[in-house]
Amino acid sequence: MIDTWRMESPTSKIVTFKIAGDRKFGFVCSAKMDGRDIKEITGCREVLTRKEVEAMFSDYVDRG
């Protein structure tokens, strides 16, 4: 499963979020802004919601 969406940061930059993986192997969540990537492997078998992923990367996005 892959879910990708975009939102505008507080600094008016476009941020792309992505959730990829499955319940068997776990999920990888990522965010990308201005060519910078950050990834976090959740290790969780349950997929996170979009709000949970946005909260996970909120410091990264706010500094953008």
Protein backbone atom coordinates (compact mmCIF):
# COMPACT_ATOMS: atom_id res chain seq x y z
CA MET A 1 0.00 0.00 0.00
CA ILE A 2 1.21 3.50 -0.81
CA ASP A 3 -0.48 6.74 0.19
CA THR A 4 0.99 10.08 -0.94
CA TRP A 5 -0.34 13.58 -0.29
CA ARG A 6 0.84 17.18 -0.24
CA MET A 7 0.21 20.12 2.03
CA GLU A 8 1.52 23.65 2.43
CA SER A 9 3.87 24.31 5.34
CA PRO A 10 3.60 27.37 7.63
CA THR A 11 6.43 28.86 5.56
CA SER A 12 4.37 28.41 2.34
CA LYS A 13 6.48 25.54 1.01
CA ILE A 14 4.94 22.37 -0.41
CA VAL A 15 5.58 19.23 1.67
CA THR A 16 5.03 15.74 0.24
CA PHE A 17 4.19 12.97 2.70
CA LYS A 18 4.23 9.25 1.93
CA ILE A 19 3.24 6.05 3.72
CA ALA A 20 4.46 2.81 2.15
CA GLY A 21 4.55 -0.81 3.23
CA ASP A 22 2.24 -3.51 4.50
CA ARG A 23 1.19 -5.18 7.73
CA LYS A 24 3.56 -8.11 7.18
CA PHE A 25 6.79 -6.09 6.96
CA GLY A 26 5.79 -2.79 8.58
CA PHE A 27 5.43 0.72 7.28
CA VAL A 28 7.84 3.47 6.24
CA CYS A 29 6.71 7.08 6.51
CA SER A 30 8.54 9.91 4.78
CA ALA A 31 8.33 13.63 4.16
CA LYS A 32 10.06 15.68 1.45
CA MET A 33 10.43 19.44 1.14
CA ASP A 34 12.89 21.47 -0.96
CA GLY A 35 14.77 18.37 -2.04
CA ARG A 36 15.38 17.29 1.58
CA ASP A 37 14.19 13.85 2.65
CA ILE A 38 13.56 12.43 6.06
CA LYS A 39 12.41 8.86 6.70
CA GLU A 40 11.21 7.09 9.79
CA ILE A 41 10.51 3.39 9.93
CA THR A 42 7.62 2.95 12.28
CA GLY A 43 8.17 -0.76 12.85
CA CYS A 44 4.44 -0.85 13.43
CA ARG A 45 2.18 -3.37 11.77
CA GLU A 46 -0.75 -0.94 11.87
CA VAL A 47 -0.82 1.80 9.26
CA LEU A 48 -0.67 5.34 10.64
CA THR A 49 -3.26 7.93 9.67
CA ARG A 50 -2.34 10.99 7.65
CA LYS A 51 -2.74 13.16 10.78
CA GLU A 52 -0.35 10.90 12.73
CA VAL A 53 2.26 11.10 9.96
CA GLU A 54 1.93 14.89 9.75
CA ALA A 55 2.38 15.10 13.54
CA MET A 56 5.48 12.85 13.36
CA PHE A 57 7.16 15.30 10.96
CA SER A 58 5.74 18.55 12.39
CA ASP A 59 9.13 19.82 13.69
CA TYR A 60 10.74 19.14 10.31
CA VAL A 61 7.96 20.92 8.44
CA ASP A 62 7.77 23.90 10.82
CA ARG A 63 11.50 24.59 10.45
CA GLY A 64 11.19 24.55 6.64
